Each structure stands twice: as structure tokens, then as C-alpha cells.
All heavy atoms as atom14 arrays in JSON, in Angstrom:
{
  "sequence": "TWVKAHTLFAFTAACLVASIVLACYFLSRPFRYLDAVIHAA",
  "atom14_mask": [
    [1, 1, 1, 1, 1, 1, 1, 0, 0, 0, 0, 0, 0, 0],
    [1, 1, 1, 1, 1, 1, 1, 1, 1, 1, 1, 1, 1, 1],
    [1, 1, 1, 1, 1, 1, 1, 0, 0, 0, 0, 0, 0, 0],
    [1, 1, 1, 1, 1, 1, 1, 1, 1, 0, 0, 0, 0, 0],
    [1, 1, 1, 1, 1, 0, 0, 0, 0, 0, 0, 0, 0, 0],
    [1, 1, 1, 1, 1, 1, 1, 1, 1, 1, 0, 0, 0, 0],
    [1, 1, 1, 1, 1, 1, 1, 0, 0, 0, 0, 0, 0, 0],
    [1, 1, 1, 1, 1, 1, 1, 1, 0, 0, 0, 0, 0, 0],
    [1, 1, 1, 1, 1, 1, 1, 1, 1, 1, 1, 0, 0, 0],
    [1, 1, 1, 1, 1, 0, 0, 0, 0, 0, 0, 0, 0, 0],
    [1, 1, 1, 1, 1, 1, 1, 1, 1, 1, 1, 0, 0, 0],
    [1, 1, 1, 1, 1, 1, 1, 0, 0, 0, 0, 0, 0, 0],
    [1, 1, 1, 1, 1, 0, 0, 0, 0, 0, 0, 0, 0, 0],
    [1, 1, 1, 1, 1, 0, 0, 0, 0, 0, 0, 0, 0, 0],
    [1, 1, 1, 1, 1, 1, 0, 0, 0, 0, 0, 0, 0, 0],
    [1, 1, 1, 1, 1, 1, 1, 1, 0, 0, 0, 0, 0, 0],
    [1, 1, 1, 1, 1, 1, 1, 0, 0, 0, 0, 0, 0, 0],
    [1, 1, 1, 1, 1, 0, 0, 0, 0, 0, 0, 0, 0, 0],
    [1, 1, 1, 1, 1, 1, 0, 0, 0, 0, 0, 0, 0, 0],
    [1, 1, 1, 1, 1, 1, 1, 1, 0, 0, 0, 0, 0, 0],
    [1, 1, 1, 1, 1, 1, 1, 0, 0, 0, 0, 0, 0, 0],
    [1, 1, 1, 1, 1, 1, 1, 1, 0, 0, 0, 0, 0, 0],
    [1, 1, 1, 1, 1, 0, 0, 0, 0, 0, 0, 0, 0, 0],
    [1, 1, 1, 1, 1, 1, 0, 0, 0, 0, 0, 0, 0, 0],
    [1, 1, 1, 1, 1, 1, 1, 1, 1, 1, 1, 1, 0, 0],
    [1, 1, 1, 1, 1, 1, 1, 1, 1, 1, 1, 0, 0, 0],
    [1, 1, 1, 1, 1, 1, 1, 1, 0, 0, 0, 0, 0, 0],
    [1, 1, 1, 1, 1, 1, 0, 0, 0, 0, 0, 0, 0, 0],
    [1, 1, 1, 1, 1, 1, 1, 1, 1, 1, 1, 0, 0, 0],
    [1, 1, 1, 1, 1, 1, 1, 0, 0, 0, 0, 0, 0, 0],
    [1, 1, 1, 1, 1, 1, 1, 1, 1, 1, 1, 0, 0, 0],
    [1, 1, 1, 1, 1, 1, 1, 1, 1, 1, 1, 0, 0, 0],
    [1, 1, 1, 1, 1, 1, 1, 1, 1, 1, 1, 1, 0, 0],
    [1, 1, 1, 1, 1, 1, 1, 1, 0, 0, 0, 0, 0, 0],
    [1, 1, 1, 1, 1, 1, 1, 1, 0, 0, 0, 0, 0, 0],
    [1, 1, 1, 1, 1, 0, 0, 0, 0, 0, 0, 0, 0, 0],
    [1, 1, 1, 1, 1, 1, 1, 0, 0, 0, 0, 0, 0, 0],
    [1, 1, 1, 1, 1, 1, 1, 1, 0, 0, 0, 0, 0, 0],
    [1, 1, 1, 1, 1, 1, 1, 1, 1, 1, 0, 0, 0, 0],
    [1, 1, 1, 1, 1, 0, 0, 0, 0, 0, 0, 0, 0, 0],
    [1, 1, 1, 1, 1, 0, 0, 0, 0, 0, 0, 0, 0, 0]
  ],
  "atom14_positions": [
    [[3.94, -10.59, 7.67], [4.34, -9.59, 8.66], [5.84, -9.28, 8.53], [6.27, -8.13, 8.58], [4.03, -10.09, 10.08], [2.63, -10.38, 10.19], [4.4, -9.05, 11.12], [0.0, 0.0, 0.0], [0.0, 0.0, 0.0], [0.0, 0.0, 0.0], [0.0, 0.0, 0.0], [0.0, 0.0, 0.0], [0.0, 0.0, 0.0], [0.0, 0.0, 0.0]],
    [[6.64, -10.35, 8.34], [8.11, -10.14, 8.2], [8.43, -9.39, 6.92], [9.27, -8.48, 6.91], [8.8, -11.51, 8.2], [10.3, -11.39, 8.17], [11.12, -11.3, 9.23], [11.13, -11.35, 6.99], [12.43, -11.21, 8.83], [12.45, -11.22, 7.43], [10.86, -11.39, 5.64], [13.52, -11.13, 6.56], [11.93, -11.3, 4.78], [13.25, -11.17, 5.23]],
    [[7.76, -9.75, 5.84], [8.0, -9.07, 4.56], [7.63, -7.6, 4.67], [8.33, -6.72, 4.15], [7.22, -9.76, 3.42], [7.29, -8.93, 2.14], [7.78, -11.15, 3.17], [0.0, 0.0, 0.0], [0.0, 0.0, 0.0], [0.0, 0.0, 0.0], [0.0, 0.0, 0.0], [0.0, 0.0, 0.0], [0.0, 0.0, 0.0], [0.0, 0.0, 0.0]],
    [[6.5, -7.31, 5.34], [6.08, -5.92, 5.49], [7.09, -5.13, 6.3], [7.37, -3.96, 5.99], [4.71, -5.89, 6.19], [4.16, -4.48, 6.34], [2.78, -4.51, 6.99], [2.25, -3.09, 7.14], [0.91, -3.09, 7.79], [0.0, 0.0, 0.0], [0.0, 0.0, 0.0], [0.0, 0.0, 0.0], [0.0, 0.0, 0.0], [0.0, 0.0, 0.0]],
    [[7.68, -5.79, 7.34], [8.66, -5.09, 8.17], [10.0, -4.94, 7.47], [10.77, -4.02, 7.79], [8.83, -5.85, 9.5], [0.0, 0.0, 0.0], [0.0, 0.0, 0.0], [0.0, 0.0, 0.0], [0.0, 0.0, 0.0], [0.0, 0.0, 0.0], [0.0, 0.0, 0.0], [0.0, 0.0, 0.0], [0.0, 0.0, 0.0], [0.0, 0.0, 0.0]],
    [[10.33, -5.81, 6.53], [11.63, -5.77, 5.84], [11.43, -5.74, 4.32], [12.02, -6.53, 3.58], [12.48, -7.0, 6.22], [12.68, -7.15, 7.69], [11.77, -7.82, 8.5], [13.68, -6.72, 8.53], [12.19, -7.83, 9.74], [13.36, -7.15, 9.8], [0.0, 0.0, 0.0], [0.0, 0.0, 0.0], [0.0, 0.0, 0.0], [0.0, 0.0, 0.0]],
    [[10.58, -4.86, 3.85], [10.24, -4.81, 2.42], [11.46, -4.54, 1.54], [11.71, -5.22, 0.54], [9.2, -3.72, 2.17], [8.04, -3.98, 2.98], [8.8, -3.68, 0.7], [0.0, 0.0, 0.0], [0.0, 0.0, 0.0], [0.0, 0.0, 0.0], [0.0, 0.0, 0.0], [0.0, 0.0, 0.0], [0.0, 0.0, 0.0], [0.0, 0.0, 0.0]],
    [[12.28, -3.56, 1.89], [13.45, -3.2, 1.09], [14.47, -4.34, 1.05], [15.02, -4.67, -0.02], [14.12, -1.94, 1.67], [15.35, -1.43, 0.89], [14.96, -1.08, -0.54], [15.96, -0.22, 1.61], [0.0, 0.0, 0.0], [0.0, 0.0, 0.0], [0.0, 0.0, 0.0], [0.0, 0.0, 0.0], [0.0, 0.0, 0.0], [0.0, 0.0, 0.0]],
    [[14.67, -5.0, 2.21], [15.61, -6.12, 2.26], [15.11, -7.28, 1.4], [15.9, -7.9, 0.67], [15.79, -6.56, 3.71], [16.67, -7.77, 3.85], [18.06, -7.66, 3.78], [16.1, -9.04, 4.03], [18.85, -8.79, 3.9], [16.91, -10.16, 4.16], [18.28, -10.03, 4.1], [0.0, 0.0, 0.0], [0.0, 0.0, 0.0], [0.0, 0.0, 0.0]],
    [[13.83, -7.62, 1.47], [13.27, -8.72, 0.7], [13.38, -8.45, -0.8], [13.73, -9.34, -1.59], [11.82, -8.96, 1.1], [0.0, 0.0, 0.0], [0.0, 0.0, 0.0], [0.0, 0.0, 0.0], [0.0, 0.0, 0.0], [0.0, 0.0, 0.0], [0.0, 0.0, 0.0], [0.0, 0.0, 0.0], [0.0, 0.0, 0.0], [0.0, 0.0, 0.0]],
    [[13.1, -7.2, -1.19], [13.17, -6.85, -2.61], [14.62, -6.94, -3.11], [14.89, -7.47, -4.2], [12.61, -5.44, -2.83], [12.54, -5.04, -4.26], [11.48, -5.45, -5.07], [13.53, -4.25, -4.83], [11.43, -5.09, -6.41], [13.49, -3.89, -6.17], [12.42, -4.3, -6.96], [0.0, 0.0, 0.0], [0.0, 0.0, 0.0], [0.0, 0.0, 0.0]],
    [[15.55, -6.43, -2.27], [16.97, -6.48, -2.67], [17.46, -7.92, -2.76], [18.2, -8.28, -3.68], [17.81, -5.7, -1.66], [17.34, -4.35, -1.57], [19.27, -5.69, -2.07], [0.0, 0.0, 0.0], [0.0, 0.0, 0.0], [0.0, 0.0, 0.0], [0.0, 0.0, 0.0], [0.0, 0.0, 0.0], [0.0, 0.0, 0.0], [0.0, 0.0, 0.0]],
    [[17.08, -8.77, -1.81], [17.49, -10.17, -1.83], [16.95, -10.89, -3.04], [17.66, -11.68, -3.69], [17.03, -10.86, -0.55], [0.0, 0.0, 0.0], [0.0, 0.0, 0.0], [0.0, 0.0, 0.0], [0.0, 0.0, 0.0], [0.0, 0.0, 0.0], [0.0, 0.0, 0.0], [0.0, 0.0, 0.0], [0.0, 0.0, 0.0], [0.0, 0.0, 0.0]],
    [[15.7, -10.61, -3.39], [15.11, -11.24, -4.57], [15.86, -10.83, -5.83], [16.14, -11.65, -6.71], [13.63, -10.88, -4.67], [0.0, 0.0, 0.0], [0.0, 0.0, 0.0], [0.0, 0.0, 0.0], [0.0, 0.0, 0.0], [0.0, 0.0, 0.0], [0.0, 0.0, 0.0], [0.0, 0.0, 0.0], [0.0, 0.0, 0.0], [0.0, 0.0, 0.0]],
    [[16.2, -9.52, -5.92], [16.95, -9.02, -7.09], [18.34, -9.65, -7.15], [18.83, -10.02, -8.23], [17.06, -7.5, -7.03], [15.5, -6.64, -7.3], [0.0, 0.0, 0.0], [0.0, 0.0, 0.0], [0.0, 0.0, 0.0], [0.0, 0.0, 0.0], [0.0, 0.0, 0.0], [0.0, 0.0, 0.0], [0.0, 0.0, 0.0], [0.0, 0.0, 0.0]],
    [[19.0, -9.8, -5.98], [20.34, -10.38, -5.95], [20.32, -11.84, -6.38], [21.16, -12.28, -7.19], [20.91, -10.25, -4.54], [22.35, -10.78, -4.35], [23.31, -10.03, -5.24], [22.76, -10.66, -2.88], [0.0, 0.0, 0.0], [0.0, 0.0, 0.0], [0.0, 0.0, 0.0], [0.0, 0.0, 0.0], [0.0, 0.0, 0.0], [0.0, 0.0, 0.0]],
    [[19.37, -12.61, -5.85], [19.26, -14.02, -6.22], [19.0, -14.16, -7.72], [19.61, -14.99, -8.42], [18.16, -14.71, -5.41], [17.91, -16.12, -5.94], [18.56, -14.78, -3.93], [0.0, 0.0, 0.0], [0.0, 0.0, 0.0], [0.0, 0.0, 0.0], [0.0, 0.0, 0.0], [0.0, 0.0, 0.0], [0.0, 0.0, 0.0], [0.0, 0.0, 0.0]],
    [[18.1, -13.35, -8.23], [17.78, -13.41, -9.66], [19.0, -13.04, -10.51], [19.26, -13.66, -11.55], [16.62, -12.48, -9.97], [0.0, 0.0, 0.0], [0.0, 0.0, 0.0], [0.0, 0.0, 0.0], [0.0, 0.0, 0.0], [0.0, 0.0, 0.0], [0.0, 0.0, 0.0], [0.0, 0.0, 0.0], [0.0, 0.0, 0.0], [0.0, 0.0, 0.0]],
    [[19.77, -12.03, -10.07], [20.97, -11.63, -10.82], [21.99, -12.75, -10.85], [22.62, -13.01, -11.88], [21.58, -10.38, -10.18], [20.68, -9.3, -10.22], [0.0, 0.0, 0.0], [0.0, 0.0, 0.0], [0.0, 0.0, 0.0], [0.0, 0.0, 0.0], [0.0, 0.0, 0.0], [0.0, 0.0, 0.0], [0.0, 0.0, 0.0], [0.0, 0.0, 0.0]],
    [[22.16, -13.42, -9.69], [23.12, -14.54, -9.65], [22.67, -15.66, -10.57], [23.48, -16.23, -11.31], [23.28, -15.04, -8.2], [23.95, -13.96, -7.33], [24.1, -16.33, -8.17], [24.02, -14.31, -5.87], [0.0, 0.0, 0.0], [0.0, 0.0, 0.0], [0.0, 0.0, 0.0], [0.0, 0.0, 0.0], [0.0, 0.0, 0.0], [0.0, 0.0, 0.0]],
    [[21.38, -16.0, -10.53], [20.86, -17.06, -11.39], [21.05, -16.71, -12.86], [21.52, -17.53, -13.67], [19.38, -17.33, -11.09], [18.79, -18.29, -12.12], [19.22, -17.91, -9.69], [0.0, 0.0, 0.0], [0.0, 0.0, 0.0], [0.0, 0.0, 0.0], [0.0, 0.0, 0.0], [0.0, 0.0, 0.0], [0.0, 0.0, 0.0], [0.0, 0.0, 0.0]],
    [[20.71, -15.47, -13.24], [20.85, -15.05, -14.63], [22.32, -15.03, -15.05], [22.68, -15.44, -16.17], [20.23, -13.67, -14.83], [18.69, -13.6, -14.77], [18.22, -12.16, -14.84], [18.09, -14.4, -15.93], [0.0, 0.0, 0.0], [0.0, 0.0, 0.0], [0.0, 0.0, 0.0], [0.0, 0.0, 0.0], [0.0, 0.0, 0.0], [0.0, 0.0, 0.0]],
    [[23.19, -14.52, -14.16], [24.62, -14.46, -14.48], [25.19, -15.86, -14.7], [25.95, -16.1, -15.65], [25.36, -13.73, -13.38], [0.0, 0.0, 0.0], [0.0, 0.0, 0.0], [0.0, 0.0, 0.0], [0.0, 0.0, 0.0], [0.0, 0.0, 0.0], [0.0, 0.0, 0.0], [0.0, 0.0, 0.0], [0.0, 0.0, 0.0], [0.0, 0.0, 0.0]],
    [[24.84, -16.79, -13.82], [25.32, -18.17, -13.97], [24.82, -18.79, -15.27], [25.57, -19.48, -15.98], [24.88, -19.02, -12.78], [25.68, -18.57, -11.22], [0.0, 0.0, 0.0], [0.0, 0.0, 0.0], [0.0, 0.0, 0.0], [0.0, 0.0, 0.0], [0.0, 0.0, 0.0], [0.0, 0.0, 0.0], [0.0, 0.0, 0.0], [0.0, 0.0, 0.0]],
    [[23.58, -18.5, -15.59], [23.01, -19.07, -16.81], [23.73, -18.54, -18.05], [24.13, -19.29, -18.95], [21.52, -18.75, -16.89], [20.89, -19.17, -18.2], [20.63, -20.5, -18.49], [20.56, -18.2, -19.16], [20.06, -20.87, -19.7], [19.99, -18.56, -20.37], [19.75, -19.89, -20.64], [19.2, -20.25, -21.83], [0.0, 0.0, 0.0], [0.0, 0.0, 0.0]],
    [[23.9, -17.21, -18.11], [24.51, -16.62, -19.3], [26.02, -16.83, -19.36], [26.6, -16.82, -20.44], [24.19, -15.12, -19.36], [22.81, -14.83, -19.88], [21.76, -14.58, -19.0], [22.56, -14.84, -21.24], [20.48, -14.31, -19.49], [21.28, -14.58, -21.72], [20.24, -14.33, -20.85], [0.0, 0.0, 0.0], [0.0, 0.0, 0.0], [0.0, 0.0, 0.0]],
    [[26.66, -17.02, -18.18], [28.08, -17.36, -18.21], [28.31, -18.8, -18.65], [29.33, -19.12, -19.27], [28.7, -17.14, -16.82], [28.97, -15.69, -16.42], [29.47, -15.62, -14.97], [30.0, -15.05, -17.35], [0.0, 0.0, 0.0], [0.0, 0.0, 0.0], [0.0, 0.0, 0.0], [0.0, 0.0, 0.0], [0.0, 0.0, 0.0], [0.0, 0.0, 0.0]],
    [[27.38, -19.65, -18.33], [27.54, -21.07, -18.71], [27.32, -21.28, -20.2], [27.87, -22.22, -20.78], [26.56, -21.94, -17.92], [25.22, -21.64, -18.26], [0.0, 0.0, 0.0], [0.0, 0.0, 0.0], [0.0, 0.0, 0.0], [0.0, 0.0, 0.0], [0.0, 0.0, 0.0], [0.0, 0.0, 0.0], [0.0, 0.0, 0.0], [0.0, 0.0, 0.0]],
    [[26.54, -20.42, -20.85], [26.27, -20.6, -22.27], [27.53, -20.53, -23.12], [27.76, -21.41, -23.96], [25.24, -19.58, -22.74], [23.83, -19.87, -22.26], [22.85, -18.86, -22.78], [22.78, -18.86, -24.24], [22.05, -17.98, -24.94], [21.36, -17.04, -24.28], [22.02, -18.05, -26.24], [0.0, 0.0, 0.0], [0.0, 0.0, 0.0], [0.0, 0.0, 0.0]],
    [[28.41, -19.5, -22.95], [29.65, -19.49, -23.75], [30.52, -20.71, -23.51], [31.17, -21.22, -24.43], [30.35, -18.2, -23.31], [29.28, -17.33, -22.76], [28.3, -18.26, -22.14], [0.0, 0.0, 0.0], [0.0, 0.0, 0.0], [0.0, 0.0, 0.0], [0.0, 0.0, 0.0], [0.0, 0.0, 0.0], [0.0, 0.0, 0.0], [0.0, 0.0, 0.0]],
    [[30.55, -21.18, -22.24], [31.36, -22.36, -21.95], [30.79, -23.61, -22.61], [31.54, -24.49, -23.04], [31.48, -22.55, -20.44], [32.38, -21.55, -19.77], [31.86, -20.53, -18.99], [33.75, -21.61, -19.94], [32.68, -19.6, -18.38], [34.59, -20.69, -19.34], [34.05, -19.68, -18.56], [0.0, 0.0, 0.0], [0.0, 0.0, 0.0], [0.0, 0.0, 0.0]],
    [[29.46, -23.68, -22.71], [28.85, -24.8, -23.42], [29.21, -24.75, -24.9], [29.53, -25.77, -25.52], [27.33, -24.79, -23.23], [26.87, -25.16, -21.82], [25.42, -25.63, -21.83], [24.53, -24.61, -22.38], [23.93, -23.66, -21.65], [24.13, -23.61, -20.33], [23.12, -22.79, -22.21], [0.0, 0.0, 0.0], [0.0, 0.0, 0.0], [0.0, 0.0, 0.0]],
    [[29.15, -23.53, -25.46], [29.55, -23.37, -26.87], [31.02, -23.72, -27.05], [31.41, -24.37, -28.03], [29.29, -21.94, -27.33], [27.85, -21.51, -27.27], [27.5, -20.17, -27.13], [26.81, -22.43, -27.34], [26.18, -19.75, -27.07], [25.49, -22.04, -27.27], [25.18, -20.69, -27.13], [23.87, -20.29, -27.07], [0.0, 0.0, 0.0], [0.0, 0.0, 0.0]],
    [[31.86, -23.27, -26.08], [33.29, -23.54, -26.18], [33.57, -25.04, -26.1], [34.4, -25.57, -26.85], [34.04, -22.8, -25.07], [35.56, -22.97, -25.04], [36.16, -22.46, -26.34], [36.16, -22.24, -23.85], [0.0, 0.0, 0.0], [0.0, 0.0, 0.0], [0.0, 0.0, 0.0], [0.0, 0.0, 0.0], [0.0, 0.0, 0.0], [0.0, 0.0, 0.0]],
    [[32.88, -25.72, -25.19], [33.05, -27.18, -25.09], [32.66, -27.87, -26.4], [33.32, -28.8, -26.84], [32.2, -27.73, -23.94], [32.76, -27.33, -22.57], [33.96, -27.01, -22.51], [31.99, -27.35, -21.59], [0.0, 0.0, 0.0], [0.0, 0.0, 0.0], [0.0, 0.0, 0.0], [0.0, 0.0, 0.0], [0.0, 0.0, 0.0], [0.0, 0.0, 0.0]],
    [[31.57, -27.37, -27.01], [31.13, -27.97, -28.28], [32.16, -27.73, -29.38], [32.45, -28.64, -30.18], [29.77, -27.39, -28.69], [0.0, 0.0, 0.0], [0.0, 0.0, 0.0], [0.0, 0.0, 0.0], [0.0, 0.0, 0.0], [0.0, 0.0, 0.0], [0.0, 0.0, 0.0], [0.0, 0.0, 0.0], [0.0, 0.0, 0.0], [0.0, 0.0, 0.0]],
    [[32.73, -26.51, -29.4], [33.74, -26.2, -30.42], [35.0, -27.03, -30.2], [35.6, -27.55, -31.14], [34.06, -24.69, -30.4], [35.25, -24.39, -31.31], [32.85, -23.88, -30.84], [0.0, 0.0, 0.0], [0.0, 0.0, 0.0], [0.0, 0.0, 0.0], [0.0, 0.0, 0.0], [0.0, 0.0, 0.0], [0.0, 0.0, 0.0], [0.0, 0.0, 0.0]],
    [[35.43, -27.15, -28.92], [36.63, -27.95, -28.61], [36.41, -29.41, -29.0], [37.28, -30.06, -29.59], [36.99, -27.83, -27.12], [37.45, -26.4, -26.8], [38.07, -28.83, -26.74], [37.69, -26.15, -25.33], [0.0, 0.0, 0.0], [0.0, 0.0, 0.0], [0.0, 0.0, 0.0], [0.0, 0.0, 0.0], [0.0, 0.0, 0.0], [0.0, 0.0, 0.0]],
    [[35.24, -29.92, -28.68], [34.92, -31.31, -29.01], [34.92, -31.5, -30.53], [35.41, -32.52, -31.04], [33.56, -31.69, -28.43], [33.18, -33.11, -28.66], [33.86, -34.17, -28.1], [32.19, -33.65, -29.42], [33.3, -35.31, -28.49], [32.29, -35.02, -29.29], [0.0, 0.0, 0.0], [0.0, 0.0, 0.0], [0.0, 0.0, 0.0], [0.0, 0.0, 0.0]],
    [[34.38, -30.5, -31.25], [34.37, -30.59, -32.71], [35.78, -30.47, -33.28], [36.12, -31.15, -34.26], [33.47, -29.5, -33.29], [0.0, 0.0, 0.0], [0.0, 0.0, 0.0], [0.0, 0.0, 0.0], [0.0, 0.0, 0.0], [0.0, 0.0, 0.0], [0.0, 0.0, 0.0], [0.0, 0.0, 0.0], [0.0, 0.0, 0.0], [0.0, 0.0, 0.0]],
    [[36.61, -29.6, -32.65], [37.98, -29.42, -33.15], [38.81, -30.68, -32.98], [39.75, -30.92, -33.75], [38.64, -28.26, -32.42], [0.0, 0.0, 0.0], [0.0, 0.0, 0.0], [0.0, 0.0, 0.0], [0.0, 0.0, 0.0], [0.0, 0.0, 0.0], [0.0, 0.0, 0.0], [0.0, 0.0, 0.0], [0.0, 0.0, 0.0], [0.0, 0.0, 0.0]]
  ]
}
């Protein structure tokens, strides 16, 4: 019932959470590579 009453808000919140999760994941990858390169250097 709540989702039906706030469909646009629920969809936007789901998209925002997913964007944050994806952004954190892809931002952490270069730092992991950088840490590996620094450790190797």
C-alpha cells in the first residue's frame, strides 16, 4: 500500500541507492589498483 502511494519516491530511492553502491564499487577499484602498484613499487 505504501509503495503504491509513493511509487515515484520508491523508484527514485532505489535508483539513488544503486548509484551510490555502484559509484563506491567503481571508485574503490582504482584505489585497490593504486595500492597494489604502490606496494609493488
